[in-house]
Amino acid sequence: MAKSEDRRSIRCSFCGKPQSLVNRLIAGNGSYICDECVRMCMSIVDDLPQQKAVSGYDGLPLVFEKLPKPM
């Protein structure tokens, strides 16, 4: 492949597969992610433990309905 063709070829920024070998590429801010990498990322996120409730500075859970409104 020539250098000019390399610049024009769109590839997944994570696995490096060219657009011709994947079903879909999602573009964003100069980078791309293929549908296969998205699926892999989703499985990683699904395996993470659920986040704990947000706590205040005193360790008690925050109740957002009781927070004062900013003036």
PDB file of N, CA and C in Angstrom:
ATOM      1  N   MET A   1       0.827  -1.181   0.000  1.00  0.00           N
ATOM      2  CA  MET A   1       0.000   0.000   0.000  1.00  0.00           C
ATOM      3  C   MET A   1       0.878   1.252   0.000  1.00  0.00           C
ATOM      4  N   ALA A   2       0.523   2.200  -0.791  1.00  0.00           N
ATOM      5  CA  ALA A   2       1.287   3.445  -0.851  1.00  0.00           C
ATOM      6  C   ALA A   2       0.956   4.314   0.354  1.00  0.00           C
ATOM      7  N   LYS A   3       1.856   5.251   0.643  1.00  0.00           N
ATOM      8  CA  LYS A   3       1.638   6.118   1.795  1.00  0.00           C
ATOM      9  C   LYS A   3       0.376   6.950   1.641  1.00  0.00           C
ATOM     10  N   SER A   4       0.081   7.420   0.440  1.00  0.00           N
ATOM     11  CA  SER A   4      -1.121   8.234   0.240  1.00  0.00           C
ATOM     12  C   SER A   4      -2.382   7.406   0.467  1.00  0.00           C
ATOM     13  N   GLU A   5      -2.347   6.116   0.125  1.00  0.00           N
ATOM     14  CA  GLU A   5      -3.496   5.246   0.366  1.00  0.00           C
ATOM     15  C   GLU A   5      -3.644   4.970   1.857  1.00  0.00           C
ATOM     16  N   ASP A   6      -2.520   4.878   2.590  1.00  0.00           N
ATOM     17  CA  ASP A   6      -2.561   4.657   4.030  1.00  0.00           C
ATOM     18  C   ASP A   6      -3.278   5.795   4.738  1.00  0.00           C
ATOM     19  N   ARG A   7      -3.022   7.021   4.300  1.00  0.00           N
ATOM     20  CA  ARG A   7      -3.641   8.185   4.938  1.00  0.00           C
ATOM     21  C   ARG A   7      -5.142   8.214   4.701  1.00  0.00           C
ATOM     22  N   ARG A   8      -5.569   7.759   3.538  1.00  0.00           N
ATOM     23  CA  ARG A   8      -6.992   7.799   3.207  1.00  0.00           C
ATOM     24  C   ARG A   8      -7.765   6.639   3.810  1.00  0.00           C
ATOM     25  N   SER A   9      -7.096   5.547   4.136  1.00  0.00           N
ATOM     26  CA  SER A   9      -7.789   4.380   4.660  1.00  0.00           C
ATOM     27  C   SER A   9      -8.218   4.654   6.102  1.00  0.00           C
ATOM     28  N   ILE A  10      -9.471   4.423   6.383  1.00  0.00           N
ATOM     29  CA  ILE A  10     -10.008   4.646   7.722  1.00  0.00           C
ATOM     30  C   ILE A  10      -9.921   3.322   8.467  1.00  0.00           C
ATOM     31  N   ARG A  11      -9.359   3.365   9.667  1.00  0.00           N
ATOM     32  CA  ARG A  11      -9.170   2.167  10.476  1.00  0.00           C
ATOM     33  C   ARG A  11      -9.678   2.409  11.890  1.00  0.00           C
ATOM     34  N   CYS A  12     -10.023   1.314  12.555  1.00  0.00           N
ATOM     35  CA  CYS A  12     -10.396   1.388  13.965  1.00  0.00           C
ATOM     36  C   CYS A  12      -9.167   1.826  14.754  1.00  0.00           C
ATOM     37  N   SER A  13      -9.326   2.807  15.608  1.00  0.00           N
ATOM     38  CA  SER A  13      -8.210   3.324  16.402  1.00  0.00           C
ATOM     39  C   SER A  13      -7.786   2.355  17.496  1.00  0.00           C
ATOM     40  N   PHE A  14      -8.603   1.335  17.782  1.00  0.00           N
ATOM     41  CA  PHE A  14      -8.306   0.395  18.854  1.00  0.00           C
ATOM     42  C   PHE A  14      -7.676  -0.892  18.341  1.00  0.00           C
ATOM     43  N   CYS A  15      -8.301  -1.528  17.341  1.00  0.00           N
ATOM     44  CA  CYS A  15      -7.780  -2.806  16.841  1.00  0.00           C
ATOM     45  C   CYS A  15      -7.049  -2.668  15.518  1.00  0.00           C
ATOM     46  N   GLY A  16      -7.206  -1.549  14.821  1.00  0.00           N
ATOM     47  CA  GLY A  16      -6.489  -1.307  13.581  1.00  0.00           C
ATOM     48  C   GLY A  16      -7.112  -1.908  12.332  1.00  0.00           C
ATOM     49  N   LYS A  17      -8.280  -2.542  12.461  1.00  0.00           N
ATOM     50  CA  LYS A  17      -8.914  -3.138  11.287  1.00  0.00           C
ATOM     51  C   LYS A  17      -9.404  -2.038  10.345  1.00  0.00           C
ATOM     52  N   PRO A  18      -9.230  -2.245   9.031  1.00  0.00           N
ATOM     53  CA  PRO A  18      -9.721  -1.249   8.076  1.00  0.00           C
ATOM     54  C   PRO A  18     -11.237  -1.303   7.966  1.00  0.00           C
ATOM     55  N   GLN A  19     -11.795  -0.243   7.439  1.00  0.00           N
ATOM     56  CA  GLN A  19     -13.244  -0.112   7.301  1.00  0.00           C
ATOM     57  C   GLN A  19     -13.841  -1.259   6.490  1.00  0.00           C
ATOM     58  N   SER A  20     -13.093  -1.798   5.555  1.00  0.00           N
ATOM     59  CA  SER A  20     -13.600  -2.868   4.702  1.00  0.00           C
ATOM     60  C   SER A  20     -13.790  -4.193   5.438  1.00  0.00           C
ATOM     61  N   LEU A  21     -13.172  -4.373   6.604  1.00  0.00           N
ATOM     62  CA  LEU A  21     -13.264  -5.636   7.343  1.00  0.00           C
ATOM     63  C   LEU A  21     -14.238  -5.608   8.517  1.00  0.00           C
ATOM     64  N   VAL A  22     -14.873  -4.470   8.762  1.00  0.00           N
ATOM     65  CA  VAL A  22     -15.824  -4.374   9.877  1.00  0.00           C
ATOM     66  C   VAL A  22     -17.192  -3.950   9.344  1.00  0.00           C
ATOM     67  N   ASN A  23     -18.216  -4.179  10.159  1.00  0.00           N
ATOM     68  CA  ASN A  23     -19.568  -3.788   9.749  1.00  0.00           C
ATOM     69  C   ASN A  23     -19.778  -2.284   9.804  1.00  0.00           C
ATOM     70  N   ARG A  24     -19.262  -1.661  10.867  1.00  0.00           N
ATOM     71  CA  ARG A  24     -19.498  -0.236  11.052  1.00  0.00           C
ATOM     72  C   ARG A  24     -18.357   0.398  11.818  1.00  0.00           C
ATOM     73  N   LEU A  25     -18.006   1.613  11.447  1.00  0.00           N
ATOM     74  CA  LEU A  25     -17.027   2.408  12.186  1.00  0.00           C
ATOM     75  C   LEU A  25     -17.724   3.653  12.710  1.00  0.00           C
ATOM     76  N   ILE A  26     -17.505   3.954  13.964  1.00  0.00           N
ATOM     77  CA  ILE A  26     -18.075   5.151  14.578  1.00  0.00           C
ATOM     78  C   ILE A  26     -16.946   6.163  14.708  1.00  0.00           C
ATOM     79  N   ALA A  27     -17.176   7.366  14.205  1.00  0.00           N
ATOM     80  CA  ALA A  27     -16.152   8.406  14.208  1.00  0.00           C
ATOM     81  C   ALA A  27     -16.382   9.381  15.347  1.00  0.00           C
ATOM     82  N   GLY A  28     -15.292   9.913  15.867  1.00  0.00           N
ATOM     83  CA  GLY A  28     -15.391  10.939  16.890  1.00  0.00           C
ATOM     84  C   GLY A  28     -14.046  11.561  17.176  1.00  0.00           C
ATOM     85  N   ASN A  29     -13.943  12.868  17.045  1.00  0.00           N
ATOM     86  CA  ASN A  29     -12.737  13.629  17.380  1.00  0.00           C
ATOM     87  C   ASN A  29     -11.463  13.048  16.758  1.00  0.00           C
ATOM     88  N   GLY A  30     -11.520  12.701  15.493  1.00  0.00           N
ATOM     89  CA  GLY A  30     -10.330  12.231  14.792  1.00  0.00           C
ATOM     90  C   GLY A  30      -9.973  10.783  15.038  1.00  0.00           C
ATOM     91  N   SER A  31     -10.816  10.049  15.732  1.00  0.00           N
ATOM     92  CA  SER A  31     -10.556   8.628  15.955  1.00  0.00           C
ATOM     93  C   SER A  31     -11.802   7.833  15.591  1.00  0.00           C
ATOM     94  N   TYR A  32     -11.627   6.532  15.462  1.00  0.00           N
ATOM     95  CA  TYR A  32     -12.710   5.658  15.041  1.00  0.00           C
ATOM     96  C   TYR A  32     -12.729   4.415  15.921  1.00  0.00           C
ATOM     97  N   ILE A  33     -13.919   3.836  16.116  1.00  0.00           N
ATOM     98  CA  ILE A  33     -14.041   2.572  16.829  1.00  0.00           C
ATOM     99  C   ILE A  33     -15.007   1.689  16.048  1.00  0.00           C
ATOM    100  N   CYS A  34     -14.631   0.423  15.870  1.00  0.00           N
ATOM    101  CA  CYS A  34     -15.459  -0.493  15.085  1.00  0.00           C
ATOM    102  C   CYS A  34     -16.499  -1.154  15.979  1.00  0.00           C
ATOM    103  N   ASP A  35     -17.499  -1.768  15.346  1.00  0.00           N
ATOM    104  CA  ASP A  35     -18.579  -2.417  16.092  1.00  0.00           C
ATOM    105  C   ASP A  35     -18.056  -3.563  16.959  1.00  0.00           C
ATOM    106  N   GLU A  36     -17.003  -4.251  16.518  1.00  0.00           N
ATOM    107  CA  GLU A  36     -16.445  -5.349  17.303  1.00  0.00           C
ATOM    108  C   GLU A  36     -15.807  -4.840  18.593  1.00  0.00           C
ATOM    109  N   CYS A  37     -15.089  -3.731  18.515  1.00  0.00           N
ATOM    110  CA  CYS A  37     -14.473  -3.151  19.713  1.00  0.00           C
ATOM    111  C   CYS A  37     -15.540  -2.585  20.656  1.00  0.00           C
ATOM    112  N   VAL A  38     -16.619  -2.045  20.089  1.00  0.00           N
ATOM    113  CA  VAL A  38     -17.717  -1.549  20.925  1.00  0.00           C
ATOM    114  C   VAL A  38     -18.313  -2.708  21.719  1.00  0.00           C
ATOM    115  N   ARG A  39     -18.537  -3.852  21.047  1.00  0.00           N
ATOM    116  CA  ARG A  39     -19.096  -5.024  21.738  1.00  0.00           C
ATOM    117  C   ARG A  39     -18.159  -5.505  22.847  1.00  0.00           C
ATOM    118  N   MET A  40     -16.854  -5.514  22.560  1.00  0.00           N
ATOM    119  CA  MET A  40     -15.894  -5.949  23.566  1.00  0.00           C
ATOM    120  C   MET A  40     -15.912  -4.992  24.764  1.00  0.00           C
ATOM    121  N   CYS A  41     -15.966  -3.691  24.515  1.00  0.00           N
ATOM    122  CA  CYS A  41     -16.019  -2.701  25.600  1.00  0.00           C
ATOM    123  C   CYS A  41     -17.297  -2.859  26.418  1.00  0.00           C
ATOM    124  N   MET A  42     -18.403  -3.127  25.736  1.00  0.00           N
ATOM    125  CA  MET A  42     -19.672  -3.323  26.451  1.00  0.00           C
ATOM    126  C   MET A  42     -19.584  -4.528  27.381  1.00  0.00           C
ATOM    127  N   SER A  43     -18.945  -5.610  26.938  1.00  0.00           N
ATOM    128  CA  SER A  43     -18.830  -6.795  27.796  1.00  0.00           C
ATOM    129  C   SER A  43     -17.928  -6.507  29.001  1.00  0.00           C
ATOM    130  N   ILE A  44     -16.895  -5.689  28.809  1.00  0.00           N
ATOM    131  CA  ILE A  44     -16.021  -5.319  29.923  1.00  0.00           C
ATOM    132  C   ILE A  44     -16.799  -4.493  30.943  1.00  0.00           C
ATOM    133  N   VAL A  45     -17.567  -3.531  30.458  1.00  0.00           N
ATOM    134  CA  VAL A  45     -18.345  -2.665  31.356  1.00  0.00           C
ATOM    135  C   VAL A  45     -19.420  -3.474  32.072  1.00  0.00           C
ATOM    136  N   ASP A  46     -20.051  -4.414  31.376  1.00  0.00           N
ATOM    137  CA  ASP A  46     -21.087  -5.244  32.000  1.00  0.00           C
ATOM    138  C   ASP A  46     -20.530  -6.102  33.123  1.00  0.00           C
ATOM    139  N   ASP A  47     -19.249  -6.472  33.048  1.00  0.00           N
ATOM    140  CA  ASP A  47     -18.625  -7.313  34.077  1.00  0.00           C
ATOM    141  C   ASP A  47     -18.188  -6.527  35.304  1.00  0.00           C
ATOM    142  N   LEU A  48     -18.159  -5.190  35.221  1.00  0.00           N
ATOM    143  CA  LEU A  48     -17.735  -4.368  36.358  1.00  0.00           C
ATOM    144  C   LEU A  48     -18.783  -4.433  37.465  1.00  0.00           C
ATOM    145  N   PRO A  49     -18.338  -4.397  38.715  1.00  0.00           N
ATOM    146  CA  PRO A  49     -19.316  -4.358  39.816  1.00  0.00           C
ATOM    147  C   PRO A  49     -20.094  -3.045  39.778  1.00  0.00           C
ATOM    148  N   GLN A  50     -21.318  -3.075  40.239  1.00  0.00           N
ATOM    149  CA  GLN A  50     -22.158  -1.882  40.260  1.00  0.00           C
ATOM    150  C   GLN A  50     -21.550  -0.848  41.199  1.00  0.00           C
ATOM    151  N   GLN A  51     -21.691   0.435  40.827  1.00  0.00           N
ATOM    152  CA  GLN A  51     -21.166   1.517  41.662  1.00  0.00           C
ATOM    153  C   GLN A  51     -21.959   1.621  42.954  1.00  0.00           C
ATOM    154  N   LYS A  52     -21.262   1.984  44.009  1.00  0.00           N
ATOM    155  CA  LYS A  52     -21.921   2.218  45.284  1.00  0.00           C
ATOM    156  C   LYS A  52     -22.634   3.562  45.243  1.00  0.00           C
ATOM    157  N   ALA A  53     -23.558   3.748  46.159  1.00  0.00           N
ATOM    158  CA  ALA A  53     -24.275   5.018  46.247  1.00  0.00           C
ATOM    159  C   ALA A  53     -23.293   6.141  46.563  1.00  0.00           C
ATOM    160  N   VAL A  54     -23.596   7.335  46.091  1.00  0.00           N
ATOM    161  CA  VAL A  54     -22.754   8.504  46.335  1.00  0.00           C
ATOM    162  C   VAL A  54     -22.902   8.915  47.789  1.00  0.00           C
ATOM    163  N   SER A  55     -21.773   9.147  48.447  1.00  0.00           N
ATOM    164  CA  SER A  55     -21.787   9.536  49.851  1.00  0.00           C
ATOM    165  C   SER A  55     -21.335  10.976  50.002  1.00  0.00           C
ATOM    166  N   GLY A  56     -21.849  11.617  51.044  1.00  0.00           N
ATOM    167  CA  GLY A  56     -21.433  12.971  51.379  1.00  0.00           C
ATOM    168  C   GLY A  56     -20.127  12.955  52.142  1.00  0.00           C
ATOM    169  N   TYR A  57     -19.667  14.123  52.575  1.00  0.00           N
ATOM    170  CA  TYR A  57     -18.395  14.217  53.285  1.00  0.00           C
ATOM    171  C   TYR A  57     -18.436  13.492  54.628  1.00  0.00           C
ATOM    172  N   ASP A  58     -19.632  13.314  55.190  1.00  0.00           N
ATOM    173  CA  ASP A  58     -19.750  12.633  56.480  1.00  0.00           C
ATOM    174  C   ASP A  58     -19.976  11.129  56.333  1.00  0.00           C
ATOM    175  N   GLY A  59     -19.955  10.618  55.113  1.00  0.00           N
ATOM    176  CA  GLY A  59     -20.121   9.194  54.875  1.00  0.00           C
ATOM    177  C   GLY A  59     -21.558   8.743  54.713  1.00  0.00           C
ATOM    178  N   LEU A  60     -22.501   9.648  54.981  1.00  0.00           N
ATOM    179  CA  LEU A  60     -23.916   9.296  54.826  1.00  0.00           C
ATOM    180  C   LEU A  60     -24.323   9.429  53.364  1.00  0.00           C
ATOM    181  N   PRO A  61     -25.279   8.630  52.909  1.00  0.00           N
ATOM    182  CA  PRO A  61     -25.705   8.746  51.505  1.00  0.00           C
ATOM    183  C   PRO A  61     -26.358  10.104  51.239  1.00  0.00           C
ATOM    184  N   LEU A  62     -26.072  10.645  50.059  1.00  0.00           N
ATOM    185  CA  LEU A  62     -26.660  11.923  49.670  1.00  0.00           C
ATOM    186  C   LEU A  62     -28.089  11.709  49.181  1.00  0.00           C
ATOM    187  N   VAL A  63     -28.968  12.570  49.607  1.00  0.00           N
ATOM    188  CA  VAL A  63     -30.340  12.565  49.110  1.00  0.00           C
ATOM    189  C   VAL A  63     -30.479  13.845  48.300  1.00  0.00           C
ATOM    190  N   PHE A  64     -30.477  13.694  46.978  1.00  0.00           N
ATOM    191  CA  PHE A  64     -30.434  14.860  46.108  1.00  0.00           C
ATOM    192  C   PHE A  64     -31.676  15.741  46.240  1.00  0.00           C
ATOM    193  N   GLU A  65     -32.812  15.176  46.630  1.00  0.00           N
ATOM    194  CA  GLU A  65     -34.031  15.973  46.778  1.00  0.00           C
ATOM    195  C   GLU A  65     -33.925  16.942  47.945  1.00  0.00           C
ATOM    196  N   LYS A  66     -33.059  16.640  48.930  1.00  0.00           N
ATOM    197  CA  LYS A  66     -32.927  17.491  50.113  1.00  0.00           C
ATOM    198  C   LYS A  66     -31.799  18.505  50.001  1.00  0.00           C
ATOM    199  N   LEU A  67     -31.048  18.472  48.924  1.00  0.00           N
ATOM    200  CA  LEU A  67     -29.965  19.436  48.761  1.00  0.00           C
ATOM    201  C   LEU A  67     -30.535  20.837  48.525  1.00  0.00           C
ATOM    202  N   PRO A  68     -29.921  21.864  49.125  1.00  0.00           N
ATOM    203  CA  PRO A  68     -30.426  23.233  48.885  1.00  0.00           C
ATOM    204  C   PRO A  68     -30.154  23.666  47.463  1.00  0.00           C
ATOM    205  N   LYS A  69     -31.057  24.474  46.935  1.00  0.00           N
ATOM    206  CA  LYS A  69     -30.906  25.010  45.590  1.00  0.00           C
ATOM    207  C   LYS A  69     -29.898  26.157  45.610  1.00  0.00           C
ATOM    208  N   PRO A  70     -29.062  26.273  44.582  1.00  0.00           N
ATOM    209  CA  PRO A  70     -28.118  27.401  44.540  1.00  0.00           C
ATOM    210  C   PRO A  70     -28.858  28.717  44.331  1.00  0.00           C
ATOM    211  N   MET A  71     -28.309  29.779  44.876  1.00  0.00           N
ATOM    212  CA  MET A  71     -28.952  31.097  44.738  1.00  0.00           C
ATOM    213  C   MET A  71     -28.393  31.831  43.553  1.00  0.00           C
TER     214      MET A  71
END
